Each structure stands twice: as structure tokens, then as C-alpha cells.
Amino acid sequence: MNNKASLTAIVSAFARSYHSQHHYPIIFDDFLAQELISGKESAMIGHNWAKAISFFNPENASKYSNKTDALNWVMSTQCIPQTVSRAKYVEGCLENAITRGVEQYIILGAGFDTFAYRRTELINHLQVFELDHPATQTLKIKRMAELKWEIPNNVHFIPIDFTEENITNVLIKSSFSPKKLTFISWLGVTYYLTIDTIFETLQALKRIIPTGSSIVFDYLDDTAFDPDRASKRILQMQEIAKQAQEPLKTGLDPNTMDLSLQQIDMLLYEHLSPEDIDKRYFSNRHDLLSAFEHFYFAHATF
């Protein structure tokens, strides 16, 4: 995938768009995501996910012979819950951070994020820095040009290969200011990295992020990689990621997360378990959406 845009970024945008169009109440309304996906991509993803019901739910696949019903089952149970709940959480935390004086927003692994074009009421308060792999970022910028989207002056695209480049050096070379309070979103990334890379990234950020700034990231717990303890849904997710050549690598221990962050002079401000996430975002629903097992949200301060 080194020379291609991330398939995960495209699929995540498809999931956010599908949720906005097919579920109610809407948890996270990304009404622009669909525009960044080509018609060919959308048709391909929809077709493949509908077919995937035989992989995810072989016992009941025959009950979903209708492609529309099969797609809805797969999207509702396998793709959407984690994607929309983490997006809702991070933008809620960002709104609160702005009231505390945050002036910069860094999106690590931005993919096809549409914040700067959806939340126009917030964009004037922030300098927004989108960091992602050059191939993914190039495709996104190309799509926005085709759509004739105007890129605000306070949005900055910073290409980076997280596995090979130093995030500190990359940010310092940009218009990022190490003196301004900053909020960082790091979603859908940590489980593709090694434990060392995760904490090295946090330490690197801490060296240039002023005290009082914060970061939100999601992560898998360590039991997700134990075949005897992991849920069926997570084991299937790992297999899909492997087939897409973007394998999941790492789970962290939620019981020691607070201590692990303290060891690099960071504080865990809020920590949501799967049960917390389910209660906050999926209670009283009458569809198939529910929080994913093994996934946690961490809001930490520098």
C-alpha cells in the first residue's frame, strides 16, 4: 500500500456516509463523505461488503439474499459503530477544547476527514493540520479539486509516513506553532503501529506541544489479539485488515494505560471502555448498532 491511497481511509468515508444516509438517529453526520468517494469505489465497496455477509455471518447469510439487506447488516454490525462513535467523541472533545483556548487542531492519519468543510462554525477559531501518508493525501486533494471545494487558508496538508518520518521534524517545518494550545485527533491508527511507535509518537508530540494541550486516540486492548479471548467480530476484523494488506498489530492494556501515560509525563483525562461507549452513543437504539468489543477511547493531556 506504500504507493497507493489507504483503502481503510476510503472504506471509513463510505461507512460515515452510509450511516448519515441510512440510520436514525444519526450519531455522527458526515454529510460530505460520500462526495469524496468515486461512484466506482462506492459501488465496489457496497458490492463487496454485501457479499461479505457470508464471511461475517455464515449461519444466517441465507436470510439476507437481498443485497440491500445484506449490506445494511454488514455495515451496521462490522463497519459503522466504531467509525462514527470515535468521530463523535473526538469532535465533542474538540468543541470543549476550543472553549479552553485551543487554537490548533492536528489530525493524525486524517484520511478523508471532512471536519474543515463540515464544521464551518468552528473552523475560524483554528489552524487545522491534516497529517497522512502522501498517497492518501494526494488523492484527497485531487478529489476536492474535482469537487471545486475551496480549501480555507487555515487548513494545512502535511504529508508524512508515520513509520519512517519523525513527526516532530515534520510539524516544525510547517506553520505549526509550538506555543499555541493544541488539540490532537489520532483515530484509527494506533492498532496498525507497534507499541514502541505509539509511545514514541506521543513522546515526540509532547516535546513540541505546550502544556495544557490534549490528544484523543482510540486503541484495541491486548486481549483482542488473543484468539481464545477475542470476540468473533474482532477476529474477523483482523482477517479483513490482513487481506487488505493493512494488518492490525497492537493492543494495549487498559488497566495500565493511566500509568503508561504518567511514565511519559502525560495524564489520562478520560477513558471510555466499550461499555461506556455503548451507553453513551448506542443506548435506546432499535437497530443493529452497538459499541465494538475491545475498543477504548483515551483523552489525555500533555
C-alpha atoms as a PDB file:
ATOM      1  CA  MET A   1       0.000   0.000   0.000  1.00  0.00           C
ATOM      2  CA  ASN A   2       3.076   2.312   0.105  1.00  0.00           C
ATOM      3  CA  ASN A   3       2.286   3.866  -3.282  1.00  0.00           C
ATOM      4  CA  LYS A   4      -1.491   3.763  -3.021  1.00  0.00           C
ATOM      5  CA  ALA A   5      -4.075   5.670  -1.054  1.00  0.00           C
ATOM      6  CA  SER A   6      -5.206   3.854   2.075  1.00  0.00           C
ATOM      7  CA  LEU A   7      -8.108   1.515   1.402  1.00  0.00           C
ATOM      8  CA  THR A   8      -9.066   1.927   5.063  1.00  0.00           C
ATOM      9  CA  ALA A   9      -9.459   5.696   4.585  1.00  0.00           C
ATOM     10  CA  ILE A  10     -11.823   5.179   1.648  1.00  0.00           C
ATOM     11  CA  VAL A  11     -13.857   2.489   3.410  1.00  0.00           C
ATOM     12  CA  SER A  12     -14.144   4.639   6.556  1.00  0.00           C
ATOM     13  CA  ALA A  13     -15.527   7.513   4.477  1.00  0.00           C
ATOM     14  CA  PHE A  14     -18.021   5.109   2.914  1.00  0.00           C
ATOM     15  CA  ALA A  15     -19.105   3.954   6.388  1.00  0.00           C
ATOM     16  CA  ARG A  16     -19.605   7.509   7.671  1.00  0.00           C
ATOM     17  CA  SER A  17     -21.619   8.376   4.590  1.00  0.00           C
ATOM     18  CA  TYR A  18     -23.735   5.225   4.801  1.00  0.00           C
ATOM     19  CA  HIS A  19     -24.593   5.967   8.427  1.00  0.00           C
ATOM     20  CA  SER A  20     -25.699   9.521   7.587  1.00  0.00           C
ATOM     21  CA  GLN A  21     -27.999   8.234   4.878  1.00  0.00           C
ATOM     22  CA  HIS A  22     -29.444   5.061   6.377  1.00  0.00           C
ATOM     23  CA  HIS A  23     -29.552   5.246  10.176  1.00  0.00           C
ATOM     24  CA  TYR A  24     -31.648   7.238  12.617  1.00  0.00           C
ATOM     25  CA  PRO A  25     -30.960   8.793  14.968  1.00  0.00           C
ATOM     26  CA  ILE A  26     -27.668   9.802  13.393  1.00  0.00           C
ATOM     27  CA  ILE A  27     -24.729   9.574  15.770  1.00  0.00           C
ATOM     28  CA  PHE A  28     -22.267  11.444  13.557  1.00  0.00           C
ATOM     29  CA  ASP A  29     -23.495  13.214  10.441  1.00  0.00           C
ATOM     30  CA  ASP A  30     -20.709  13.271   7.867  1.00  0.00           C
ATOM     31  CA  PHE A  31     -22.879  14.517   5.027  1.00  0.00           C
ATOM     32  CA  LEU A  32     -19.847  15.316   2.859  1.00  0.00           C
ATOM     33  CA  ALA A  33     -18.019  11.972   2.980  1.00  0.00           C
ATOM     34  CA  GLN A  34     -19.848  10.485   0.011  1.00  0.00           C
ATOM     35  CA  GLU A  35     -18.674  13.283  -2.267  1.00  0.00           C
ATOM     36  CA  LEU A  36     -15.039  12.271  -1.747  1.00  0.00           C
ATOM     37  CA  ILE A  37     -15.694   8.704  -2.892  1.00  0.00           C
ATOM     38  CA  SER A  38     -15.965   7.970  -6.596  1.00  0.00           C
ATOM     39  CA  GLY A  39     -19.056   6.245  -7.914  1.00  0.00           C
ATOM     40  CA  LYS A  40     -16.938   3.264  -8.906  1.00  0.00           C
ATOM     41  CA  GLU A  41     -15.440   2.996  -5.425  1.00  0.00           C
ATOM     42  CA  SER A  42     -18.830   3.306  -3.750  1.00  0.00           C
ATOM     43  CA  ALA A  43     -20.333   0.591  -5.945  1.00  0.00           C
ATOM     44  CA  MET A  44     -17.340  -1.685  -5.406  1.00  0.00           C
ATOM     45  CA  ILE A  45     -17.335  -1.247  -1.622  1.00  0.00           C
ATOM     46  CA  GLY A  46     -21.099  -1.743  -1.383  1.00  0.00           C
ATOM     47  CA  HIS A  47     -20.943  -4.865  -3.547  1.00  0.00           C
ATOM     48  CA  ASN A  48     -18.023  -6.392  -1.652  1.00  0.00           C
ATOM     49  CA  TRP A  49     -19.419  -5.635   1.810  1.00  0.00           C
ATOM     50  CA  ALA A  50     -22.802  -7.134   0.865  1.00  0.00           C
ATOM     51  CA  LYS A  51     -21.051 -10.296  -0.327  1.00  0.00           C
ATOM     52  CA  ALA A  52     -19.007 -10.365   2.889  1.00  0.00           C
ATOM     53  CA  ILE A  53     -22.070 -11.392   4.885  1.00  0.00           C
ATOM     54  CA  SER A  54     -21.151 -14.996   4.059  1.00  0.00           C
ATOM     55  CA  PHE A  55     -17.863 -14.400   5.900  1.00  0.00           C
ATOM     56  CA  PHE A  56     -19.203 -12.412   8.852  1.00  0.00           C
ATOM     57  CA  ASN A  57     -22.473 -14.272   9.371  1.00  0.00           C
ATOM     58  CA  PRO A  58     -22.370 -17.630   7.548  1.00  0.00           C
ATOM     59  CA  GLU A  59     -25.041 -19.146   9.805  1.00  0.00           C
ATOM     60  CA  ASN A  60     -27.658 -16.607   8.731  1.00  0.00           C
ATOM     61  CA  ALA A  61     -26.360 -15.405   5.376  1.00  0.00           C
ATOM     62  CA  SER A  62     -29.203 -17.130   3.527  1.00  0.00           C
ATOM     63  CA  LYS A  63     -31.674 -14.859   5.319  1.00  0.00           C
ATOM     64  CA  TYR A  64     -30.082 -11.839   3.617  1.00  0.00           C
ATOM     65  CA  SER A  65     -30.349 -12.800  -0.040  1.00  0.00           C
ATOM     66  CA  ASN A  66     -31.365  -9.221  -0.820  1.00  0.00           C
ATOM     67  CA  LYS A  67     -28.189  -7.212  -1.438  1.00  0.00           C
ATOM     68  CA  THR A  68     -29.561  -4.103   0.298  1.00  0.00           C
ATOM     69  CA  ASP A  69     -30.394  -6.046   3.466  1.00  0.00           C
ATOM     70  CA  ALA A  70     -27.052  -7.846   3.416  1.00  0.00           C
ATOM     71  CA  LEU A  71     -25.164  -4.571   3.074  1.00  0.00           C
ATOM     72  CA  ASN A  72     -27.106  -2.982   5.920  1.00  0.00           C
ATOM     73  CA  TRP A  73     -26.343  -5.918   8.232  1.00  0.00           C
ATOM     74  CA  VAL A  74     -22.626  -5.805   7.482  1.00  0.00           C
ATOM     75  CA  MET A  75     -22.351  -2.023   7.712  1.00  0.00           C
ATOM     76  CA  SER A  76     -24.366  -1.899  10.933  1.00  0.00           C
ATOM     77  CA  THR A  77     -22.512  -4.664  12.732  1.00  0.00           C
ATOM     78  CA  GLN A  78     -18.997  -4.592  11.287  1.00  0.00           C
ATOM     79  CA  CYS A  79     -18.122  -1.161   9.901  1.00  0.00           C
ATOM     80  CA  ILE A  80     -20.072   1.755  11.284  1.00  0.00           C
ATOM     81  CA  PRO A  81     -20.217   1.675  15.111  1.00  0.00           C
ATOM     82  CA  GLN A  82     -16.534   2.263  15.844  1.00  0.00           C
ATOM     83  CA  THR A  83     -16.114   4.737  12.998  1.00  0.00           C
ATOM     84  CA  VAL A  84     -18.987   7.048  13.944  1.00  0.00           C
ATOM     85  CA  SER A  85     -18.672   6.854  17.731  1.00  0.00           C
ATOM     86  CA  ARG A  86     -14.986   7.786  17.759  1.00  0.00           C
ATOM     87  CA  ALA A  87     -15.628  10.652  15.327  1.00  0.00           C
ATOM     88  CA  LYS A  88     -18.474  11.937  17.501  1.00  0.00           C
ATOM     89  CA  TYR A  89     -16.327  11.683  20.614  1.00  0.00           C
ATOM     90  CA  VAL A  90     -13.309  13.494  19.200  1.00  0.00           C
ATOM     91  CA  GLU A  91     -15.275  16.407  17.764  1.00  0.00           C
ATOM     92  CA  GLY A  92     -17.152  16.806  21.047  1.00  0.00           C
ATOM     93  CA  CYS A  93     -13.835  16.953  22.902  1.00  0.00           C
ATOM     94  CA  LEU A  94     -12.545  19.453  20.339  1.00  0.00           C
ATOM     95  CA  GLU A  95     -15.524  21.771  20.880  1.00  0.00           C
ATOM     96  CA  ASN A  96     -14.789  21.792  24.615  1.00  0.00           C
ATOM     97  CA  ALA A  97     -11.098  22.383  23.942  1.00  0.00           C
ATOM     98  CA  ILE A  98     -11.877  25.456  21.838  1.00  0.00           C
ATOM     99  CA  THR A  99     -13.713  26.992  24.802  1.00  0.00           C
ATOM    100  CA  ARG A 100     -10.495  26.499  26.807  1.00  0.00           C
ATOM    101  CA  GLY A 101      -8.424  28.437  24.296  1.00  0.00           C
ATOM    102  CA  VAL A 102      -7.178  25.791  21.861  1.00  0.00           C
ATOM    103  CA  GLU A 103      -6.064  27.406  18.597  1.00  0.00           C
ATOM    104  CA  GLN A 104      -4.614  24.467  16.652  1.00  0.00           C
ATOM    105  CA  TYR A 105      -6.118  21.134  15.619  1.00  0.00           C
ATOM    106  CA  ILE A 106      -3.870  18.311  14.408  1.00  0.00           C
ATOM    107  CA  ILE A 107      -5.492  15.318  12.713  1.00  0.00           C
ATOM    108  CA  LEU A 108      -3.060  12.395  12.618  1.00  0.00           C
ATOM    109  CA  GLY A 109      -3.988   9.899   9.927  1.00  0.00           C
ATOM    110  CA  ALA A 110      -6.602  12.307   8.580  1.00  0.00           C
ATOM    111  CA  GLY A 111      -7.643  10.117   5.680  1.00  0.00           C
ATOM    112  CA  PHE A 112     -10.781  11.555   4.070  1.00  0.00           C
ATOM    113  CA  ASP A 113     -11.737  13.576   7.150  1.00  0.00           C
ATOM    114  CA  THR A 114     -14.193  16.374   6.311  1.00  0.00           C
ATOM    115  CA  PHE A 115     -14.101  18.425   9.522  1.00  0.00           C
ATOM    116  CA  ALA A 116     -12.769  21.606   7.916  1.00  0.00           C
ATOM    117  CA  TYR A 117     -15.583  21.604   5.356  1.00  0.00           C
ATOM    118  CA  ARG A 118     -18.465  20.479   7.602  1.00  0.00           C
ATOM    119  CA  ARG A 119     -17.854  22.475  10.775  1.00  0.00           C
ATOM    120  CA  THR A 120     -17.599  25.947   9.329  1.00  0.00           C
ATOM    121  CA  GLU A 121     -18.761  27.426  12.633  1.00  0.00           C
ATOM    122  CA  LEU A 122     -15.558  26.138  14.266  1.00  0.00           C
ATOM    123  CA  ILE A 123     -13.007  26.466  11.504  1.00  0.00           C
ATOM    124  CA  ASN A 124     -12.427  30.197  12.036  1.00  0.00           C
ATOM    125  CA  HIS A 125     -11.161  29.503  15.552  1.00  0.00           C
ATOM    126  CA  LEU A 126      -8.475  27.037  14.474  1.00  0.00           C
ATOM    127  CA  GLN A 127      -5.440  26.320  12.406  1.00  0.00           C
ATOM    128  CA  VAL A 128      -6.057  22.791  11.120  1.00  0.00           C
ATOM    129  CA  PHE A 129      -3.186  20.445  10.267  1.00  0.00           C
ATOM    130  CA  GLU A 130      -4.028  17.253   8.385  1.00  0.00           C
ATOM    131  CA  LEU A 131      -1.239  14.668   8.511  1.00  0.00           C
ATOM    132  CA  ASP A 132      -1.340  11.482   6.453  1.00  0.00           C
ATOM    133  CA  HIS A 133       0.544   9.302   4.007  1.00  0.00           C
ATOM    134  CA  PRO A 134       1.416  11.247   0.823  1.00  0.00           C
ATOM    135  CA  ALA A 135      -0.562   8.906  -1.453  1.00  0.00           C
ATOM    136  CA  THR A 136      -3.751   9.191   0.595  1.00  0.00           C
ATOM    137  CA  GLN A 137      -3.388  12.939   0.947  1.00  0.00           C
ATOM    138  CA  THR A 138      -2.705  13.425  -2.761  1.00  0.00           C
ATOM    139  CA  LEU A 139      -5.878  11.545  -3.684  1.00  0.00           C
ATOM    140  CA  LYS A 140      -7.971  13.547  -1.217  1.00  0.00           C
ATOM    141  CA  ILE A 141      -6.675  16.872  -2.526  1.00  0.00           C
ATOM    142  CA  LYS A 142      -7.333  15.708  -6.090  1.00  0.00           C
ATOM    143  CA  ARG A 143     -10.911  14.783  -5.214  1.00  0.00           C
ATOM    144  CA  MET A 144     -11.513  18.148  -3.528  1.00  0.00           C
ATOM    145  CA  ALA A 145     -10.159  19.957  -6.590  1.00  0.00           C
ATOM    146  CA  GLU A 146     -12.554  17.997  -8.812  1.00  0.00           C
ATOM    147  CA  LEU A 147     -15.415  18.978  -6.490  1.00  0.00           C
ATOM    148  CA  LYS A 148     -14.235  22.593  -6.563  1.00  0.00           C
ATOM    149  CA  TRP A 149     -14.075  22.686  -2.773  1.00  0.00           C
ATOM    150  CA  GLU A 150     -12.305  25.791  -1.550  1.00  0.00           C
ATOM    151  CA  ILE A 151      -9.564  24.941   0.920  1.00  0.00           C
ATOM    152  CA  PRO A 152      -9.563  27.508   3.746  1.00  0.00           C
ATOM    153  CA  ASN A 153      -6.315  29.361   4.380  1.00  0.00           C
ATOM    154  CA  ASN A 154      -6.105  27.897   7.865  1.00  0.00           C
ATOM    155  CA  VAL A 155      -6.091  24.274   6.635  1.00  0.00           C
ATOM    156  CA  HIS A 156      -2.626  22.786   6.136  1.00  0.00           C
ATOM    157  CA  PHE A 157      -1.884  19.447   4.467  1.00  0.00           C
ATOM    158  CA  ILE A 158       1.276  17.777   5.766  1.00  0.00           C
ATOM    159  CA  PRO A 159       2.350  14.524   4.079  1.00  0.00           C
ATOM    160  CA  ILE A 160       4.089  12.037   6.366  1.00  0.00           C
ATOM    161  CA  ASP A 161       4.937   8.352   6.510  1.00  0.00           C
ATOM    162  CA  PHE A 162       4.485   7.662  10.224  1.00  0.00           C
ATOM    163  CA  THR A 163       6.671   4.555  10.041  1.00  0.00           C
ATOM    164  CA  GLU A 164       9.681   6.352   8.608  1.00  0.00           C
ATOM    165  CA  GLU A 165       9.483  10.086   9.410  1.00  0.00           C
ATOM    166  CA  ASN A 166       9.824  11.996  12.662  1.00  0.00           C
ATOM    167  CA  ILE A 167       6.568  13.759  13.449  1.00  0.00           C
ATOM    168  CA  THR A 168       8.376  16.497  15.394  1.00  0.00           C
ATOM    169  CA  ASN A 169      10.543  17.436  12.439  1.00  0.00           C
ATOM    170  CA  VAL A 170       7.576  17.378  10.081  1.00  0.00           C
ATOM    171  CA  LEU A 171       5.489  19.703  12.256  1.00  0.00           C
ATOM    172  CA  ILE A 172       8.339  22.130  12.969  1.00  0.00           C
ATOM    173  CA  LYS A 173       8.897  22.569   9.238  1.00  0.00           C
ATOM    174  CA  SER A 174       5.236  23.547   8.832  1.00  0.00           C
ATOM    175  CA  SER A 175       3.373  26.625  10.069  1.00  0.00           C
ATOM    176  CA  PHE A 176       2.514  24.831  13.309  1.00  0.00           C
ATOM    177  CA  SER A 177       3.269  26.910  16.424  1.00  0.00           C
ATOM    178  CA  PRO A 178       4.686  25.105  19.483  1.00  0.00           C
ATOM    179  CA  LYS A 179       3.459  27.999  21.661  1.00  0.00           C
ATOM    180  CA  LYS A 180      -0.273  27.673  20.982  1.00  0.00           C
ATOM    181  CA  LEU A 181      -2.630  25.301  22.780  1.00  0.00           C
ATOM    182  CA  THR A 182      -3.311  22.336  20.541  1.00  0.00           C
ATOM    183  CA  PHE A 183      -5.854  19.532  20.276  1.00  0.00           C
ATOM    184  CA  ILE A 184      -4.864  16.316  18.514  1.00  0.00           C
ATOM    185  CA  SER A 185      -7.048  13.624  16.982  1.00  0.00           C
ATOM    186  CA  TRP A 186      -5.421  10.228  16.475  1.00  0.00           C
ATOM    187  CA  LEU A 187      -8.170   7.855  15.362  1.00  0.00           C
ATOM    188  CA  GLY A 188      -7.980   4.518  13.631  1.00  0.00           C
ATOM    189  CA  VAL A 189      -4.184   4.445  13.711  1.00  0.00           C
ATOM    190  CA  THR A 190      -2.641   3.025  16.889  1.00  0.00           C
ATOM    191  CA  TYR A 191      -3.530  -0.603  16.219  1.00  0.00           C
ATOM    192  CA  TYR A 192      -1.585  -0.521  12.940  1.00  0.00           C
ATOM    193  CA  LEU A 193       1.592   0.509  14.796  1.00  0.00           C
ATOM    194  CA  THR A 194       3.926  -1.196  17.254  1.00  0.00           C
ATOM    195  CA  ILE A 195       3.735  -0.322  20.956  1.00  0.00           C
ATOM    196  CA  ASP A 196       7.134   1.382  20.718  1.00  0.00           C
ATOM    197  CA  THR A 197       5.982   3.537  17.801  1.00  0.00           C
ATOM    198  CA  ILE A 198       2.780   4.544  19.639  1.00  0.00           C
ATOM    199  CA  PHE A 199       4.576   5.830  22.731  1.00  0.00           C
ATOM    200  CA  GLU A 200       7.484   7.276  20.757  1.00  0.00           C
ATOM    201  CA  THR A 201       4.921   9.291  18.799  1.00  0.00           C
ATOM    202  CA  LEU A 202       3.301  10.559  21.995  1.00  0.00           C
ATOM    203  CA  GLN A 203       6.706  11.498  23.425  1.00  0.00           C
ATOM    204  CA  ALA A 204       7.660  13.260  20.201  1.00  0.00           C
ATOM    205  CA  LEU A 205       4.434  15.252  20.296  1.00  0.00           C
ATOM    206  CA  LYS A 206       4.983  16.142  23.935  1.00  0.00           C
ATOM    207  CA  ARG A 207       8.315  17.762  23.068  1.00  0.00           C
ATOM    208  CA  ILE A 208       6.630  20.360  20.858  1.00  0.00           C
ATOM    209  CA  ILE A 209       3.081  20.579  22.246  1.00  0.00           C
ATOM    210  CA  PRO A 210       2.538  23.147  25.030  1.00  0.00           C
ATOM    211  CA  THR A 211       1.299  22.081  28.450  1.00  0.00           C
ATOM    212  CA  GLY A 212      -2.491  22.146  28.643  1.00  0.00           C
ATOM    213  CA  SER A 213      -2.917  20.674  25.175  1.00  0.00           C
ATOM    214  CA  SER A 214      -4.611  17.298  24.724  1.00  0.00           C
ATOM    215  CA  ILE A 215      -4.980  14.283  22.450  1.00  0.00           C
ATOM    216  CA  VAL A 216      -7.753  11.776  21.804  1.00  0.00           C
ATOM    217  CA  PHE A 217      -6.890   8.348  20.453  1.00  0.00           C
ATOM    218  CA  ASP A 218      -8.660   5.024  20.174  1.00  0.00           C
ATOM    219  CA  TYR A 219      -6.967   1.697  20.705  1.00  0.00           C
ATOM    220  CA  LEU A 220      -7.571  -2.026  20.911  1.00  0.00           C
ATOM    221  CA  ASP A 221      -6.990  -3.770  24.198  1.00  0.00           C
ATOM    222  CA  ASP A 222      -4.410  -6.538  24.442  1.00  0.00           C
ATOM    223  CA  THR A 223      -6.989  -9.336  24.644  1.00  0.00           C
ATOM    224  CA  ALA A 224      -8.068  -8.511  21.087  1.00  0.00           C
ATOM    225  CA  PHE A 225      -5.005 -10.386  19.860  1.00  0.00           C
ATOM    226  CA  ASP A 226      -5.614 -13.466  21.994  1.00  0.00           C
ATOM    227  CA  PRO A 227      -7.619 -15.948  19.866  1.00  0.00           C
ATOM    228  CA  ASP A 228      -9.047 -17.538  22.998  1.00  0.00           C
ATOM    229  CA  ARG A 229     -10.332 -14.245  24.428  1.00  0.00           C
ATOM    230  CA  ALA A 230     -11.024 -12.005  21.442  1.00  0.00           C
ATOM    231  CA  SER A 231     -14.576 -11.594  20.177  1.00  0.00           C
ATOM    232  CA  LYS A 232     -15.576 -13.119  16.867  1.00  0.00           C
ATOM    233  CA  ARG A 233     -16.137  -9.652  15.413  1.00  0.00           C
ATOM    234  CA  ILE A 234     -12.597  -8.515  16.240  1.00  0.00           C
ATOM    235  CA  LEU A 235     -11.002 -11.700  14.915  1.00  0.00           C
ATOM    236  CA  GLN A 236     -12.893 -11.213  11.663  1.00  0.00           C
ATOM    237  CA  MET A 237     -11.801  -7.573  11.540  1.00  0.00           C
ATOM    238  CA  GLN A 238      -8.187  -8.666  11.838  1.00  0.00           C
ATOM    239  CA  GLU A 239      -8.594 -11.096   8.969  1.00  0.00           C
ATOM    240  CA  ILE A 240     -10.159  -8.436   6.735  1.00  0.00           C
ATOM    241  CA  ALA A 241      -7.367  -5.965   7.573  1.00  0.00           C
ATOM    242  CA  LYS A 242      -4.763  -8.601   6.754  1.00  0.00           C
ATOM    243  CA  GLN A 243      -6.361  -9.296   3.384  1.00  0.00           C
ATOM    244  CA  ALA A 244      -6.356  -5.551   2.681  1.00  0.00           C
ATOM    245  CA  GLN A 245      -2.591  -5.535   3.365  1.00  0.00           C
ATOM    246  CA  GLU A 246      -3.110  -3.222   6.344  1.00  0.00           C
ATOM    247  CA  PRO A 247      -2.732  -5.730   9.220  1.00  0.00           C
ATOM    248  CA  LEU A 248      -3.614  -4.864  12.801  1.00  0.00           C
ATOM    249  CA  LYS A 249      -0.538  -5.171  15.017  1.00  0.00           C
ATOM    250  CA  THR A 250      -1.028  -3.916  18.542  1.00  0.00           C
ATOM    251  CA  GLY A 251      -3.272  -3.995  21.574  1.00  0.00           C
ATOM    252  CA  LEU A 252      -2.676  -2.039  24.784  1.00  0.00           C
ATOM    253  CA  ASP A 253      -3.567  -2.901  28.371  1.00  0.00           C
ATOM    254  CA  PRO A 254      -6.395  -0.596  29.533  1.00  0.00           C
ATOM    255  CA  ASN A 255      -5.614  -1.413  33.165  1.00  0.00           C
ATOM    256  CA  THR A 256      -2.166   0.166  32.869  1.00  0.00           C
ATOM    257  CA  MET A 257      -2.976   2.957  30.404  1.00  0.00           C
ATOM    258  CA  ASP A 258      -3.014   5.622  33.113  1.00  0.00           C
ATOM    259  CA  LEU A 259       0.381   4.514  34.442  1.00  0.00           C
ATOM    260  CA  SER A 260       1.862   4.176  30.938  1.00  0.00           C
ATOM    261  CA  LEU A 261       0.916   7.770  30.163  1.00  0.00           C
ATOM    262  CA  GLN A 262       2.225   9.017  33.517  1.00  0.00           C
ATOM    263  CA  GLN A 263       5.594   7.470  32.674  1.00  0.00           C
ATOM    264  CA  ILE A 264       5.892   9.886  29.750  1.00  0.00           C
ATOM    265  CA  ASP A 265       4.539  12.790  31.827  1.00  0.00           C
ATOM    266  CA  MET A 266       1.026  12.733  30.414  1.00  0.00           C
ATOM    267  CA  LEU A 267      -2.286  12.445  32.257  1.00  0.00           C
ATOM    268  CA  LEU A 268      -5.316  10.362  31.339  1.00  0.00           C
ATOM    269  CA  TYR A 269      -8.210  12.833  31.455  1.00  0.00           C
ATOM    270  CA  GLU A 270     -10.993  10.499  30.307  1.00  0.00           C
ATOM    271  CA  HIS A 271     -11.021   6.805  29.445  1.00  0.00           C
ATOM    272  CA  LEU A 272     -14.021   5.129  27.816  1.00  0.00           C
ATOM    273  CA  SER A 273     -14.427   1.358  27.811  1.00  0.00           C
ATOM    274  CA  PRO A 274     -16.605  -0.498  25.286  1.00  0.00           C
ATOM    275  CA  GLU A 275     -19.374  -0.469  27.899  1.00  0.00           C
ATOM    276  CA  ASP A 276     -19.001   3.301  28.364  1.00  0.00           C
ATOM    277  CA  ILE A 277     -19.070   3.875  24.607  1.00  0.00           C
ATOM    278  CA  ASP A 278     -22.144   1.702  24.197  1.00  0.00           C
ATOM    279  CA  LYS A 279     -24.003   3.552  26.934  1.00  0.00           C
ATOM    280  CA  ARG A 280     -23.047   6.993  25.629  1.00  0.00           C
ATOM    281  CA  TYR A 281     -23.725   6.506  21.926  1.00  0.00           C
ATOM    282  CA  PHE A 282     -25.829   3.388  21.332  1.00  0.00           C
ATOM    283  CA  SER A 283     -28.350   3.145  24.164  1.00  0.00           C
ATOM    284  CA  ASN A 284     -32.057   3.067  23.293  1.00  0.00           C
ATOM    285  CA  ARG A 285     -31.454   2.294  19.630  1.00  0.00           C
ATOM    286  CA  HIS A 286     -33.694  -0.095  17.706  1.00  0.00           C
ATOM    287  CA  ASP A 287     -31.196  -1.099  15.026  1.00  0.00           C
ATOM    288  CA  LEU A 288     -28.092  -3.299  14.997  1.00  0.00           C
ATOM    289  CA  LEU A 289     -25.545  -0.659  16.020  1.00  0.00           C
ATOM    290  CA  SER A 290     -23.570  -1.307  19.208  1.00  0.00           C
ATOM    291  CA  ALA A 291     -20.091  -0.497  20.508  1.00  0.00           C
ATOM    292  CA  PHE A 292     -17.279  -2.761  19.396  1.00  0.00           C
ATOM    293  CA  GLU A 293     -15.689  -5.086  21.892  1.00  0.00           C
ATOM    294  CA  HIS A 294     -12.044  -4.422  22.803  1.00  0.00           C
ATOM    295  CA  PHE A 295     -12.018  -0.780  21.614  1.00  0.00           C
ATOM    296  CA  TYR A 296     -11.271   2.062  24.054  1.00  0.00           C
ATOM    297  CA  PHE A 297     -11.180   5.865  23.736  1.00  0.00           C
ATOM    298  CA  ALA A 298      -8.462   7.752  25.616  1.00  0.00           C
ATOM    299  CA  HIS A 299      -8.407  11.531  26.165  1.00  0.00           C
ATOM    300  CA  ALA A 300      -5.003  12.508  27.545  1.00  0.00           C
ATOM    301  CA  THR A 301      -3.378  15.836  28.386  1.00  0.00           C
ATOM    302  CA  PHE A 302       0.209  16.961  27.841  1.00  0.00           C
END
